[in-house]
N, C-alpha and C. Protein backbone atom coordinates (compact mmCIF):
# COMPACT_ATOMS: atom_id res chain seq x y z
N UNK A 1 4.01 29.10 -63.17
CA UNK A 1 5.27 28.36 -62.83
C UNK A 1 6.13 28.57 -64.05
N UNK A 2 7.37 29.06 -63.70
CA UNK A 2 8.11 29.22 -64.60
C UNK A 2 8.92 28.17 -64.88
N UNK A 3 8.80 27.16 -65.60
CA UNK A 3 9.48 25.94 -66.04
C UNK A 3 10.36 25.91 -67.23
N UNK A 4 10.63 26.94 -67.72
CA UNK A 4 11.65 27.07 -68.72
C UNK A 4 13.11 27.56 -67.57
N UNK A 5 12.61 27.89 -66.77
CA UNK A 5 13.90 29.01 -65.72
C UNK A 5 14.32 27.56 -64.61
N UNK A 6 13.35 26.39 -64.48
CA UNK A 6 13.70 25.64 -63.94
C UNK A 6 14.55 24.33 -64.67
N UNK A 7 13.94 24.59 -65.74
CA UNK A 7 14.67 23.47 -66.70
C UNK A 7 15.97 24.03 -66.92
N UNK A 8 15.96 25.17 -67.34
CA UNK A 8 17.62 25.87 -67.57
C UNK A 8 18.14 25.47 -66.17
N UNK A 9 17.91 25.80 -64.78
CA UNK A 9 18.79 25.71 -63.75
C UNK A 9 18.86 24.41 -63.72
N UNK A 10 18.15 23.46 -63.71
CA UNK A 10 18.73 21.55 -63.78
C UNK A 10 19.45 21.34 -64.70
N UNK A 11 19.58 21.81 -65.78
CA UNK A 11 20.50 21.55 -66.84
C UNK A 11 21.94 22.11 -66.47
N UNK A 12 22.00 23.34 -66.04
CA UNK A 12 23.52 24.48 -65.47
C UNK A 12 23.86 23.59 -64.36
N UNK A 13 22.82 23.11 -63.33
CA UNK A 13 23.47 22.38 -61.91
C UNK A 13 24.15 20.76 -62.58
N UNK A 14 23.45 20.15 -63.44
CA UNK A 14 23.81 19.14 -63.98
C UNK A 14 25.28 19.22 -64.84
N UNK A 15 25.53 19.78 -65.56
CA UNK A 15 26.67 20.09 -66.29
C UNK A 15 27.88 20.71 -65.27
N UNK A 16 27.43 21.47 -64.52
CA UNK A 16 28.32 21.80 -63.58
C UNK A 16 28.78 20.56 -62.72
N UNK A 17 27.98 19.85 -62.30
CA UNK A 17 28.27 18.89 -61.49
C UNK A 17 29.14 17.85 -62.22
N UNK A 18 29.13 17.59 -63.53
CA UNK A 18 29.62 16.55 -64.32
C UNK A 18 31.43 17.27 -64.31
N UNK A 19 31.43 18.58 -64.97
CA UNK A 19 32.76 19.24 -65.14
C UNK A 19 33.04 18.80 -63.53
N UNK A 20 32.66 19.40 -62.52
CA UNK A 20 33.39 19.38 -61.37
C UNK A 20 33.80 17.95 -61.01
N UNK A 21 33.06 17.13 -61.13
CA UNK A 21 33.70 15.96 -61.13
C UNK A 21 34.69 15.49 -61.61
N UNK A 22 34.97 16.05 -63.13
CA UNK A 22 36.20 15.66 -63.98
C UNK A 22 37.47 16.33 -63.31
N UNK A 23 37.04 17.78 -63.14
CA UNK A 23 38.27 18.51 -62.72
C UNK A 23 38.22 18.44 -61.19
N UNK A 24 37.54 18.24 -60.30
CA UNK A 24 37.71 17.92 -59.09
C UNK A 24 38.42 16.70 -58.33
N UNK A 25 38.50 15.87 -59.16
CA UNK A 25 38.95 14.52 -58.74
C UNK A 25 40.45 14.42 -58.66
N UNK A 26 41.22 15.04 -59.74
CA UNK A 26 42.41 15.35 -59.41
C UNK A 26 43.13 16.12 -58.68
N UNK A 27 42.34 17.40 -58.87
CA UNK A 27 42.68 18.25 -57.76
C UNK A 27 42.57 17.94 -56.53
N UNK A 28 41.46 17.51 -56.04
CA UNK A 28 41.51 16.91 -54.42
C UNK A 28 42.35 15.85 -54.22
N UNK A 29 42.56 14.97 -55.17
CA UNK A 29 43.63 14.02 -54.96
C UNK A 29 45.16 14.81 -54.76
N UNK A 30 45.41 15.64 -55.58
CA UNK A 30 46.57 16.47 -55.01
C UNK A 30 46.48 17.06 -54.05
N UNK A 31 45.41 17.79 -53.53
CA UNK A 31 45.50 18.22 -52.17
C UNK A 31 45.56 17.39 -50.88
N UNK A 32 45.18 16.37 -51.24
CA UNK A 32 44.74 15.25 -50.25
C UNK A 32 46.29 14.56 -49.77
N UNK A 33 47.04 14.83 -50.98
CA UNK A 33 48.06 13.71 -50.85
C UNK A 33 49.55 14.36 -51.25
N UNK A 34 49.45 15.61 -51.81
CA UNK A 34 50.80 16.32 -52.09
C UNK A 34 51.26 16.88 -50.77
N UNK A 35 52.89 16.85 -50.50
CA UNK A 35 53.30 17.57 -49.46
C UNK A 35 54.21 18.77 -50.29
N UNK A 36 53.79 19.39 -50.73
CA UNK A 36 54.09 20.63 -51.38
C UNK A 36 53.82 21.57 -50.19
N UNK A 37 55.16 22.42 -49.87
CA UNK A 37 54.94 23.55 -48.78
C UNK A 37 53.90 24.60 -48.95
N UNK A 38 53.80 24.90 -50.41
CA UNK A 38 52.89 26.18 -50.97
C UNK A 38 51.39 25.61 -50.98
N UNK A 39 51.17 24.25 -50.81
CA UNK A 39 49.80 23.82 -51.04
C UNK A 39 48.77 24.30 -50.47
N UNK A 40 48.97 25.11 -49.13
CA UNK A 40 48.08 25.66 -48.48
C UNK A 40 47.61 26.95 -49.75
N UNK A 41 48.29 27.55 -50.50
CA UNK A 41 47.89 28.83 -51.21
C UNK A 41 46.73 27.98 -52.39
N UNK A 42 47.10 27.22 -52.67
CA UNK A 42 46.28 26.34 -53.73
C UNK A 42 45.03 26.01 -52.85
N UNK A 43 44.97 26.04 -51.72
CA UNK A 43 43.91 25.47 -50.63
C UNK A 43 43.30 27.04 -50.77
N UNK A 44 43.84 27.80 -50.42
CA UNK A 44 43.08 29.17 -50.12
C UNK A 44 42.39 29.69 -51.31
N UNK A 45 42.86 29.50 -52.72
CA UNK A 45 42.43 29.81 -53.55
C UNK A 45 41.35 29.10 -54.36
N UNK A 46 41.14 27.53 -54.12
CA UNK A 46 39.90 26.92 -53.93
C UNK A 46 38.79 27.14 -53.29
N UNK A 47 39.08 27.65 -52.03
CA UNK A 47 38.44 27.76 -50.64
C UNK A 47 37.61 29.63 -51.23
N UNK A 48 38.30 30.32 -52.00
CA UNK A 48 37.76 31.85 -51.96
C UNK A 48 36.37 32.13 -52.36
N UNK A 49 35.71 31.15 -53.20
CA UNK A 49 34.32 31.39 -53.49
C UNK A 49 33.54 31.26 -52.51
N UNK A 50 33.95 30.71 -51.26
CA UNK A 50 33.17 30.46 -50.07
C UNK A 50 33.09 31.60 -49.31
N UNK A 51 34.30 32.61 -49.40
CA UNK A 51 34.13 34.07 -48.63
C UNK A 51 33.96 35.27 -49.56
N UNK A 52 34.18 35.14 -50.68
CA UNK A 52 34.00 36.21 -51.86
C UNK A 52 32.77 36.74 -52.10
N UNK A 53 32.45 37.87 -51.59
CA UNK A 53 31.16 38.36 -52.10
C UNK A 53 30.80 37.50 -53.80
N UNK A 54 29.69 37.06 -54.10
CA UNK A 54 29.28 36.87 -55.48
C UNK A 54 29.30 37.61 -56.45
N UNK A 55 28.90 38.82 -55.71
CA UNK A 55 29.00 40.14 -56.79
C UNK A 55 30.61 40.99 -57.36
N UNK A 56 31.52 40.34 -56.34
CA UNK A 56 32.74 40.47 -56.84
C UNK A 56 33.36 39.50 -57.84
N UNK A 57 33.10 38.32 -57.41
CA UNK A 57 33.63 36.95 -58.12
C UNK A 57 33.03 37.41 -59.48
N UNK A 58 31.81 37.47 -59.77
CA UNK A 58 30.72 37.60 -61.07
C UNK A 58 31.80 39.02 -61.86
N UNK A 59 32.21 40.36 -60.97
CA UNK A 59 32.63 41.02 -61.71
C UNK A 59 33.87 40.57 -62.28
N UNK A 60 34.78 40.05 -61.62
CA UNK A 60 36.01 39.99 -62.27
C UNK A 60 36.02 38.65 -63.32
N UNK A 61 35.25 37.89 -63.08
CA UNK A 61 34.70 36.84 -63.88
C UNK A 61 34.20 37.49 -65.57
N UNK A 62 33.17 38.36 -65.22
CA UNK A 62 32.70 39.32 -66.41
C UNK A 62 33.72 40.01 -67.18
N UNK A 63 34.89 40.59 -66.34
CA UNK A 63 35.93 41.11 -67.06
C UNK A 63 36.94 40.27 -68.09
N UNK A 64 36.97 38.80 -67.22
CA UNK A 64 37.91 37.86 -67.99
C UNK A 64 37.02 37.32 -69.01
N UNK A 65 35.81 37.29 -69.17
CA UNK A 65 35.18 36.46 -70.28
C UNK A 65 34.92 37.57 -71.00
N UNK A 66 34.87 38.76 -70.79
CA UNK A 66 34.76 39.83 -71.82
C UNK A 66 35.67 39.76 -73.12
N UNK A 67 34.93 40.39 -74.42
CA UNK A 67 36.08 40.46 -75.39
C UNK A 67 37.30 41.07 -75.44
N UNK A 68 37.63 41.98 -74.36
CA UNK A 68 38.98 42.24 -73.99
C UNK A 68 39.63 41.23 -73.06
N UNK A 69 38.94 40.52 -72.27
CA UNK A 69 39.64 39.62 -71.42
C UNK A 69 40.33 38.45 -72.27
N UNK A 70 41.51 37.61 -71.21
CA UNK A 70 42.06 36.57 -72.39
C UNK A 70 41.28 35.32 -72.47
N UNK A 71 40.39 35.16 -71.58
CA UNK A 71 39.34 34.07 -71.92
C UNK A 71 38.34 34.47 -72.79
N UNK A 72 37.90 35.42 -72.68
CA UNK A 72 36.50 35.76 -73.33
C UNK A 72 37.36 36.15 -75.01
N UNK A 73 38.63 36.70 -75.28
CA UNK A 73 38.67 36.71 -76.49
C UNK A 73 39.28 35.69 -77.12
N UNK A 74 39.91 34.62 -76.14
CA UNK A 74 40.10 33.20 -77.16
C UNK A 74 38.96 32.56 -77.01
N UNK A 75 38.14 32.55 -76.61
CA UNK A 75 36.36 31.91 -76.71
C UNK A 75 36.19 32.37 -78.22
N UNK A 76 36.44 33.70 -78.15
CA UNK A 76 35.71 34.32 -78.95
C UNK A 76 36.27 34.26 -80.70
N UNK A 77 37.51 34.31 -80.58
CA UNK A 77 38.32 33.72 -81.47
C UNK A 77 37.93 32.42 -82.40
N UNK A 78 38.23 31.30 -81.25
CA UNK A 78 37.41 29.98 -81.51
C UNK A 78 36.21 29.83 -82.06
N UNK A 79 35.04 30.19 -81.43
CA UNK A 79 33.58 30.04 -81.69
C UNK A 79 33.26 31.03 -82.22
N UNK A 80 33.41 32.33 -82.62
CA UNK A 80 33.02 33.35 -82.90
C UNK A 80 31.80 34.22 -81.95
N UNK A 81 31.72 33.51 -80.69
CA UNK A 81 30.81 33.90 -80.03
C UNK A 81 31.32 34.54 -78.67
N UNK A 82 30.43 35.51 -77.88
CA UNK A 82 30.73 35.87 -76.63
C UNK A 82 30.39 35.14 -75.75
N UNK A 83 31.15 34.93 -74.39
CA UNK A 83 30.67 34.22 -73.19
C UNK A 83 29.51 34.72 -72.57
N UNK A 84 30.08 36.14 -72.21
CA UNK A 84 28.78 37.00 -70.97
C UNK A 84 27.44 36.58 -71.69
N UNK A 85 26.34 36.82 -71.03
CA UNK A 85 25.25 36.56 -71.62
C UNK A 85 24.94 35.31 -72.26
N UNK A 86 25.42 34.37 -72.19
CA UNK A 86 25.51 33.03 -72.93
C UNK A 86 25.14 31.71 -71.69
N UNK A 87 24.71 30.59 -71.93
CA UNK A 87 24.50 29.51 -71.25
C UNK A 87 26.22 29.07 -70.95
N UNK A 88 27.08 29.03 -72.20
CA UNK A 88 28.06 28.84 -71.77
C UNK A 88 29.05 29.64 -70.61
N UNK A 89 28.56 30.92 -70.75
CA UNK A 89 29.27 31.57 -69.45
C UNK A 89 28.85 31.13 -68.24
N UNK A 90 27.29 30.94 -68.10
CA UNK A 90 27.14 30.61 -67.06
C UNK A 90 27.55 29.56 -66.16
N UNK A 91 27.81 28.51 -67.48
CA UNK A 91 28.52 27.06 -66.88
C UNK A 91 29.95 27.55 -66.60
N UNK A 92 30.60 28.24 -67.00
CA UNK A 92 32.06 28.57 -66.38
C UNK A 92 31.86 29.36 -65.44
N UNK A 93 31.24 30.10 -65.15
CA UNK A 93 31.08 31.08 -63.70
C UNK A 93 30.41 29.84 -62.76
N UNK A 94 29.75 28.79 -63.08
CA UNK A 94 28.94 28.16 -62.19
C UNK A 94 29.94 27.08 -61.58
N UNK A 95 31.23 26.68 -62.51
CA UNK A 95 32.16 25.63 -61.89
C UNK A 95 32.96 26.23 -61.13
N UNK A 96 33.37 27.51 -61.44
CA UNK A 96 34.34 28.29 -60.58
C UNK A 96 33.69 28.72 -59.31
N UNK A 97 32.08 28.78 -59.16
CA UNK A 97 31.57 29.32 -57.93
C UNK A 97 31.36 27.91 -57.05
N UNK A 98 31.28 27.08 -57.69
CA UNK A 98 30.69 25.61 -56.97
C UNK A 98 32.16 25.23 -56.56
N UNK A 99 33.45 25.36 -56.99
CA UNK A 99 34.34 24.54 -57.06
C UNK A 99 34.85 24.08 -55.63
N UNK A 100 34.75 24.78 -54.12
CA UNK A 100 34.88 24.18 -53.00
C UNK A 100 33.69 22.99 -52.73
N UNK A 101 32.76 23.37 -53.01
CA UNK A 101 31.71 22.56 -52.89
C UNK A 101 31.80 21.37 -53.28
N UNK A 102 32.84 21.10 -54.44
CA UNK A 102 33.17 19.49 -54.76
C UNK A 102 34.43 19.33 -54.26
N UNK A 103 35.21 19.96 -53.99
CA UNK A 103 36.93 19.84 -54.09
C UNK A 103 37.12 19.33 -52.38
N UNK A 104 36.40 20.13 -51.90
CA UNK A 104 36.89 20.14 -50.14
C UNK A 104 36.10 18.86 -49.78
N UNK A 105 35.02 18.57 -49.96
CA UNK A 105 34.30 16.96 -49.66
C UNK A 105 35.38 15.87 -50.05
N UNK A 106 35.33 15.80 -51.58
CA UNK A 106 36.61 14.89 -52.34
C UNK A 106 37.85 14.81 -51.56
N UNK A 107 38.30 15.42 -51.07
CA UNK A 107 40.11 16.14 -50.49
C UNK A 107 39.65 15.09 -49.20
N UNK A 108 38.47 15.61 -48.40
CA UNK A 108 38.43 15.05 -46.90
C UNK A 108 38.47 13.77 -47.13
N UNK A 109 37.24 13.43 -48.16
CA UNK A 109 37.55 11.45 -48.48
C UNK A 109 38.56 10.68 -48.81
N UNK A 110 39.53 11.68 -49.44
CA UNK A 110 40.50 11.03 -50.13
C UNK A 110 41.66 10.79 -48.81
N UNK A 111 41.59 11.64 -47.89
CA UNK A 111 42.62 11.92 -46.76
C UNK A 111 42.35 11.04 -45.87
N UNK A 112 40.89 10.85 -45.53
CA UNK A 112 40.58 9.80 -44.68
C UNK A 112 40.76 8.24 -44.83
N UNK A 113 41.04 7.85 -46.33
CA UNK A 113 41.59 6.54 -46.63
C UNK A 113 42.68 6.36 -45.77
N UNK A 114 42.83 4.87 -45.22
CA UNK A 114 43.86 4.69 -44.57
C UNK A 114 45.27 4.58 -45.40
N UNK A 115 46.18 5.33 -45.06
CA UNK A 115 47.65 5.03 -45.80
C UNK A 115 48.13 3.65 -45.92
N UNK A 116 48.15 3.31 -44.84
CA UNK A 116 48.49 1.54 -44.95
C UNK A 116 47.86 0.69 -45.91
N UNK A 117 46.44 0.96 -46.56
CA UNK A 117 45.94 0.39 -47.29
C UNK A 117 46.41 0.85 -48.92
N UNK A 118 46.66 1.85 -48.75
CA UNK A 118 47.51 2.49 -50.03
C UNK A 118 48.84 1.98 -50.26
N UNK A 119 49.65 2.09 -49.35
CA UNK A 119 50.78 1.46 -49.28
C UNK A 119 50.80 0.28 -49.61
N UNK A 120 49.75 -0.70 -48.82
CA UNK A 120 49.87 -2.26 -49.52
C UNK A 120 49.95 -2.22 -50.97
N UNK A 121 48.56 -1.64 -51.48
CA UNK A 121 48.19 -1.56 -53.14
C UNK A 121 49.66 -1.25 -53.78
N UNK A 122 50.23 -0.25 -53.40
CA UNK A 122 51.55 -0.17 -54.20
C UNK A 122 52.72 -1.25 -54.05
N UNK A 123 52.87 -1.54 -52.94
CA UNK A 123 53.40 -3.01 -52.74
C UNK A 123 52.94 -4.42 -53.80
N UNK A 124 51.49 -4.37 -53.70
CA UNK A 124 51.06 -5.40 -54.69
C UNK A 124 51.23 -5.25 -55.80
N UNK A 125 52.05 -4.00 -56.26
CA UNK A 125 52.49 -3.81 -57.98
C UNK A 125 51.32 -2.99 -58.43
N UNK A 126 50.42 -2.53 -57.64
CA UNK A 126 49.54 -1.31 -58.42
C UNK A 126 49.85 -0.28 -58.78
N UNK A 127 49.56 0.42 -59.70
CA UNK A 127 50.20 1.93 -59.90
C UNK A 127 49.14 2.79 -59.23
N UNK A 128 49.73 4.17 -59.52
CA UNK A 128 48.90 5.25 -58.58
C UNK A 128 47.41 4.99 -59.10
N UNK A 129 47.20 5.30 -60.59
CA UNK A 129 45.83 5.28 -61.29
C UNK A 129 44.99 3.91 -61.06
N UNK A 130 45.60 2.76 -60.80
CA UNK A 130 44.47 1.76 -60.44
C UNK A 130 44.60 1.70 -58.90
N UNK A 131 45.41 2.23 -58.02
CA UNK A 131 45.21 2.14 -56.87
C UNK A 131 43.93 3.18 -56.45
N UNK A 132 44.07 4.53 -57.20
CA UNK A 132 42.81 5.04 -56.83
C UNK A 132 41.36 4.63 -57.67
N UNK A 133 41.39 4.01 -58.48
CA UNK A 133 40.13 3.68 -58.81
C UNK A 133 39.76 2.41 -58.26
N UNK A 134 40.56 1.69 -57.70
CA UNK A 134 40.20 0.32 -57.27
C UNK A 134 39.95 0.23 -55.86
N UNK A 135 40.93 1.57 -55.11
CA UNK A 135 40.70 1.46 -53.45
C UNK A 135 40.10 2.75 -53.13
N UNK A 136 41.11 3.95 -53.45
CA UNK A 136 40.91 5.23 -52.89
C UNK A 136 39.35 5.63 -53.39
N UNK A 137 38.97 5.83 -54.79
CA UNK A 137 37.76 6.36 -54.91
C UNK A 137 36.31 5.28 -54.42
N UNK A 138 36.53 4.04 -54.35
CA UNK A 138 35.49 3.25 -53.87
C UNK A 138 35.14 3.31 -52.23
N UNK A 139 36.50 3.58 -51.66
CA UNK A 139 36.34 3.83 -50.18
C UNK A 139 35.89 5.31 -49.66
N UNK A 140 36.03 6.12 -51.08
CA UNK A 140 35.53 7.57 -50.81
C UNK A 140 34.22 7.94 -51.51
N UNK A 141 33.49 6.91 -51.80
CA UNK A 141 32.14 6.97 -52.70
C UNK A 141 31.55 8.10 -51.84
N UNK A 142 31.02 8.08 -50.34
CA UNK A 142 30.39 9.00 -49.77
C UNK A 142 30.59 10.46 -50.27
N UNK A 143 32.30 10.50 -49.79
CA UNK A 143 32.32 11.84 -49.93
C UNK A 143 32.42 12.42 -51.44
N UNK A 144 32.53 11.50 -52.27
CA UNK A 144 32.44 11.97 -53.64
C UNK A 144 31.06 12.59 -54.23
N UNK A 145 29.78 11.51 -53.45
CA UNK A 145 28.49 11.82 -53.68
C UNK A 145 28.26 13.02 -53.31
N UNK A 146 28.77 12.95 -52.06
CA UNK A 146 28.17 14.64 -51.19
C UNK A 146 28.81 15.79 -51.94
N UNK A 147 29.88 15.45 -52.38
CA UNK A 147 30.28 16.84 -53.42
C UNK A 147 29.56 16.99 -54.28
N UNK A 148 29.12 15.97 -55.05
CA UNK A 148 28.53 16.08 -56.04
C UNK A 148 27.14 16.80 -56.26
N UNK A 149 26.20 16.42 -55.16
CA UNK A 149 25.14 16.42 -54.49
C UNK A 149 25.43 18.14 -53.91
N UNK A 150 26.07 18.35 -53.28
CA UNK A 150 26.73 19.88 -53.04
C UNK A 150 26.71 21.12 -54.08
N UNK A 151 27.29 20.41 -55.10
CA UNK A 151 27.61 21.42 -56.10
C UNK A 151 26.66 21.45 -57.13
N UNK A 152 25.60 20.54 -57.05
CA UNK A 152 24.39 20.77 -57.96
C UNK A 152 23.45 21.33 -57.13
N UNK A 153 23.13 21.25 -55.58
CA UNK A 153 22.01 21.88 -55.22
C UNK A 153 22.63 23.41 -55.09
N UNK A 154 24.42 23.80 -54.86
CA UNK A 154 24.60 24.96 -54.70
C UNK A 154 24.37 26.03 -56.10
N UNK A 155 24.75 25.28 -57.01
CA UNK A 155 24.46 25.70 -58.44
C UNK A 155 22.98 26.12 -58.71
N UNK A 156 21.92 25.19 -58.18
CA UNK A 156 20.34 25.57 -58.62
C UNK A 156 20.12 26.56 -57.52
N UNK A 157 20.55 27.39 -56.35
CA UNK A 157 20.53 28.18 -55.88
C UNK A 157 21.33 29.38 -56.02
N UNK A 158 22.37 29.41 -56.97
CA UNK A 158 23.03 30.76 -57.40
C UNK A 158 22.38 31.89 -57.90
N UNK A 159 22.55 32.90 -57.68
CA UNK A 159 22.00 34.01 -57.80
C UNK A 159 22.99 35.37 -58.54
N UNK A 160 23.86 35.95 -57.81
CA UNK A 160 24.87 37.02 -57.15
C UNK A 160 25.47 36.81 -58.94
N UNK A 161 26.22 35.46 -58.85
CA UNK A 161 27.32 35.10 -59.90
C UNK A 161 26.55 35.04 -61.31
N UNK A 162 25.27 34.37 -61.52
CA UNK A 162 24.64 34.26 -62.65
C UNK A 162 23.91 35.38 -63.15
N UNK A 163 23.78 36.53 -62.25
CA UNK A 163 23.02 37.85 -62.94
C UNK A 163 24.24 38.59 -63.14
N UNK A 164 25.52 38.48 -62.80
CA UNK A 164 26.34 39.19 -63.18
C UNK A 164 26.72 38.97 -64.71
N UNK A 165 26.96 37.64 -64.58
CA UNK A 165 27.59 36.98 -65.95
C UNK A 165 26.39 36.74 -67.11
N UNK A 166 25.21 36.50 -66.58
CA UNK A 166 24.50 35.91 -67.43
C UNK A 166 23.26 36.80 -67.87
N UNK A 167 23.05 38.00 -66.73
CA UNK A 167 21.85 38.61 -67.20
C UNK A 167 20.56 38.08 -66.64
N UNK A 168 19.91 38.46 -67.50
CA UNK A 168 18.38 37.94 -67.35
C UNK A 168 17.54 37.67 -68.78
N UNK A 169 17.92 36.63 -69.53
CA UNK A 169 17.54 36.37 -70.78
C UNK A 169 16.86 35.34 -70.90
N UNK A 170 15.05 35.35 -70.85
CA UNK A 170 14.73 34.30 -70.93
C UNK A 170 14.91 33.05 -71.57
N UNK A 171 14.88 32.00 -71.15
CA UNK A 171 15.32 30.97 -71.75
C UNK A 171 16.75 30.56 -72.44
N UNK A 172 17.42 31.54 -72.03
CA UNK A 172 18.95 31.31 -72.29
C UNK A 172 19.88 31.62 -71.00
N UNK A 173 19.20 32.69 -70.21
CA UNK A 173 20.28 33.01 -68.85
C UNK A 173 19.38 32.97 -67.53
N UNK A 174 18.11 32.86 -67.68
CA UNK A 174 17.03 33.01 -66.64
C UNK A 174 17.10 31.91 -65.84
N UNK A 175 17.75 31.72 -64.80
CA UNK A 175 17.59 30.67 -64.03
C UNK A 175 16.46 30.69 -62.86
N UNK A 176 16.29 29.91 -62.06
CA UNK A 176 15.16 29.66 -61.25
C UNK A 176 15.19 30.81 -60.04
N UNK A 177 16.13 31.05 -59.48
CA UNK A 177 16.60 32.20 -58.63
C UNK A 177 16.06 33.46 -59.08
N UNK A 178 16.33 33.94 -60.35
CA UNK A 178 16.43 35.03 -60.86
C UNK A 178 14.92 35.12 -61.19
N UNK A 179 14.15 34.21 -61.61
CA UNK A 179 12.49 34.09 -62.13
C UNK A 179 12.05 34.58 -60.62
N UNK A 180 12.43 33.82 -59.45
CA UNK A 180 11.84 33.77 -58.48
C UNK A 180 12.01 35.62 -57.97
N UNK A 181 12.97 36.00 -58.17
CA UNK A 181 13.49 37.33 -57.89
C UNK A 181 12.31 38.25 -58.91
N UNK A 182 12.69 38.17 -60.35
CA UNK A 182 11.56 38.97 -61.01
C UNK A 182 10.09 38.76 -60.54
N UNK A 183 9.61 37.77 -60.00
CA UNK A 183 8.40 37.57 -60.11
C UNK A 183 7.89 38.43 -58.51
N UNK A 184 8.99 38.48 -57.20
CA UNK A 184 8.40 39.08 -56.38
C UNK A 184 8.94 40.47 -56.85
N UNK A 185 9.57 41.10 -57.58
CA UNK A 185 9.78 42.40 -57.86
C UNK A 185 8.37 43.02 -58.82
N UNK A 186 7.75 42.10 -59.54
CA UNK A 186 6.78 42.46 -60.21
C UNK A 186 5.36 42.27 -59.31
N UNK A 187 5.41 41.82 -57.88
CA UNK A 187 4.43 41.51 -57.05
C UNK A 187 3.51 40.74 -57.32
N UNK A 188 4.28 39.48 -58.14
CA UNK A 188 3.64 38.13 -58.41
C UNK A 188 3.98 36.99 -57.36
N UNK A 189 3.41 37.57 -56.12
CA UNK A 189 3.61 36.46 -54.88
C UNK A 189 3.29 35.15 -55.29
N UNK A 190 2.04 35.07 -55.91
CA UNK A 190 1.78 33.30 -56.12
C UNK A 190 2.46 32.79 -57.10
N UNK A 191 3.05 33.20 -58.22
CA UNK A 191 4.31 32.68 -59.30
C UNK A 191 5.36 32.21 -58.42
N UNK A 192 5.88 33.62 -57.74
CA UNK A 192 7.19 33.35 -56.99
C UNK A 192 6.87 32.10 -55.73
N UNK A 193 5.89 31.80 -55.03
CA UNK A 193 5.55 30.91 -54.50
C UNK A 193 5.29 29.57 -54.76
N UNK A 194 4.93 29.43 -55.88
CA UNK A 194 4.85 28.11 -56.93
C UNK A 194 6.37 27.64 -57.25
N UNK A 195 7.00 28.69 -57.46
CA UNK A 195 8.30 28.45 -57.99
C UNK A 195 9.33 27.92 -57.22
N UNK A 196 9.08 28.75 -56.18
CA UNK A 196 9.91 28.39 -54.80
C UNK A 196 9.81 27.09 -54.08
N UNK A 197 8.05 26.83 -54.42
CA UNK A 197 7.84 25.53 -53.71
C UNK A 197 8.40 24.15 -54.64
N UNK A 198 8.62 24.11 -55.79
CA UNK A 198 9.35 23.44 -56.86
C UNK A 198 10.85 23.39 -56.08
N UNK A 199 11.37 24.25 -56.24
CA UNK A 199 12.99 24.45 -55.56
C UNK A 199 13.17 23.76 -54.48
N UNK A 200 12.28 24.16 -53.21
CA UNK A 200 12.16 23.63 -51.68
C UNK A 200 12.11 22.13 -52.22
N UNK A 201 11.00 21.69 -52.80
CA UNK A 201 10.99 20.15 -52.61
C UNK A 201 12.03 19.51 -53.48
N UNK A 202 12.62 19.84 -54.62
CA UNK A 202 13.76 19.51 -55.07
C UNK A 202 14.93 19.37 -54.13
N UNK A 203 15.24 20.70 -53.79
CA UNK A 203 16.52 20.38 -52.67
C UNK A 203 16.23 19.49 -51.55
N UNK A 204 15.22 19.61 -51.31
CA UNK A 204 14.85 18.68 -50.01
C UNK A 204 15.01 17.02 -50.27
N UNK A 205 14.58 16.66 -51.48
CA UNK A 205 14.49 15.08 -52.28
C UNK A 205 15.83 14.83 -52.81
N UNK A 206 16.62 15.89 -52.98
CA UNK A 206 18.33 15.56 -53.47
C UNK A 206 18.89 15.26 -51.73
N UNK A 207 18.68 16.27 -51.19
CA UNK A 207 19.64 15.83 -50.03
C UNK A 207 19.07 14.76 -49.23
N UNK A 208 18.08 14.55 -49.01
CA UNK A 208 17.34 12.80 -48.55
C UNK A 208 17.70 11.92 -49.34
N UNK A 209 18.00 11.77 -50.71
CA UNK A 209 18.68 10.57 -51.40
C UNK A 209 19.77 10.53 -51.31
N UNK A 210 20.37 11.63 -50.89
CA UNK A 210 22.16 11.54 -50.80
C UNK A 210 22.51 10.86 -49.29
N UNK A 211 21.75 11.68 -48.37
CA UNK A 211 21.78 10.96 -46.90
C UNK A 211 21.44 9.54 -46.79
N UNK A 212 20.31 9.05 -47.53
CA UNK A 212 20.01 7.87 -47.83
C UNK A 212 21.05 6.66 -48.44
N UNK A 213 21.62 7.53 -49.45
CA UNK A 213 22.62 6.46 -50.17
C UNK A 213 23.81 6.50 -49.32
N UNK A 214 23.93 7.76 -48.61
CA UNK A 214 25.46 7.49 -47.51
C UNK A 214 25.33 6.67 -46.67
N UNK A 215 23.97 6.40 -45.91
CA UNK A 215 24.07 5.32 -44.65
C UNK A 215 24.10 3.78 -45.59
N UNK A 216 23.94 3.49 -46.62
CA UNK A 216 23.97 2.22 -47.33
C UNK A 216 25.40 1.99 -47.67
N UNK A 217 26.13 3.09 -48.20
CA UNK A 217 27.10 3.16 -48.57
C UNK A 217 28.21 2.58 -47.38
N UNK A 218 27.90 3.29 -46.40
CA UNK A 218 28.88 2.92 -44.72
C UNK A 218 28.40 1.63 -44.41
N UNK A 219 27.17 0.87 -44.93
CA UNK A 219 26.93 -0.17 -44.15
C UNK A 219 27.68 -1.39 -44.88
N UNK A 220 28.12 -1.00 -46.18
CA UNK A 220 28.94 -1.76 -47.14
C UNK A 220 30.29 -1.72 -46.65
N UNK A 221 31.11 -0.74 -46.27
CA UNK A 221 32.48 -0.97 -45.43
C UNK A 221 32.06 0.08 -43.94
N UNK A 222 31.60 -1.08 -43.20
CA UNK A 222 31.49 -0.47 -41.51
C UNK A 222 33.08 -0.43 -41.13
N UNK A 223 32.78 0.69 -40.01
CA UNK A 223 33.90 1.40 -39.21
C UNK A 223 34.19 0.15 -38.61
N UNK A 224 35.57 -0.29 -38.51
CA UNK A 224 36.26 -1.29 -37.57
C UNK A 224 36.71 -0.58 -36.26
């Protein structure tokens, strides 16, 4: 059982979900309510990881985060370290790769809020920020939870992107999916089975809790 890889994947998935919550909420709000004609271009860009092969995305990220890339050279200038083959590099790649799994549920939840309620909040003197936190976010809580869980679960199962960006460094970039692949390549099927079983159980538990939580949320705000 490769507990180091499991712990690394859990840590990576947790921080990916937190960062996606922080950047995904304002982006999803803009996608849900903006009337810009070119909004479809942003929507297409956000959804790109859904159709782009992980190796292609990983290659471009590796170039951008390398010492000659803009992001990589800036990070090296600020910290003296390189992004590729580091946990920080994995985190950047995971955030970009899981972006649509968070933003799309967020945006769908925001768009489903009754526009009349939002306008009533504005008429009562609430600004846009207060309206979001007091009205839109509570009514969209199931969608927010769904986006968080999907991004967490998606990060736990990443393979192609993390392999391109992080390689296979034990305790640094070897995630649970790469560990399972290594065990299979070495014909260590028992170890691969045990690690896969942990990942399977964790994935089922996360989804079960999410669906149960979603049912309770909808019970608080029953449909009219």
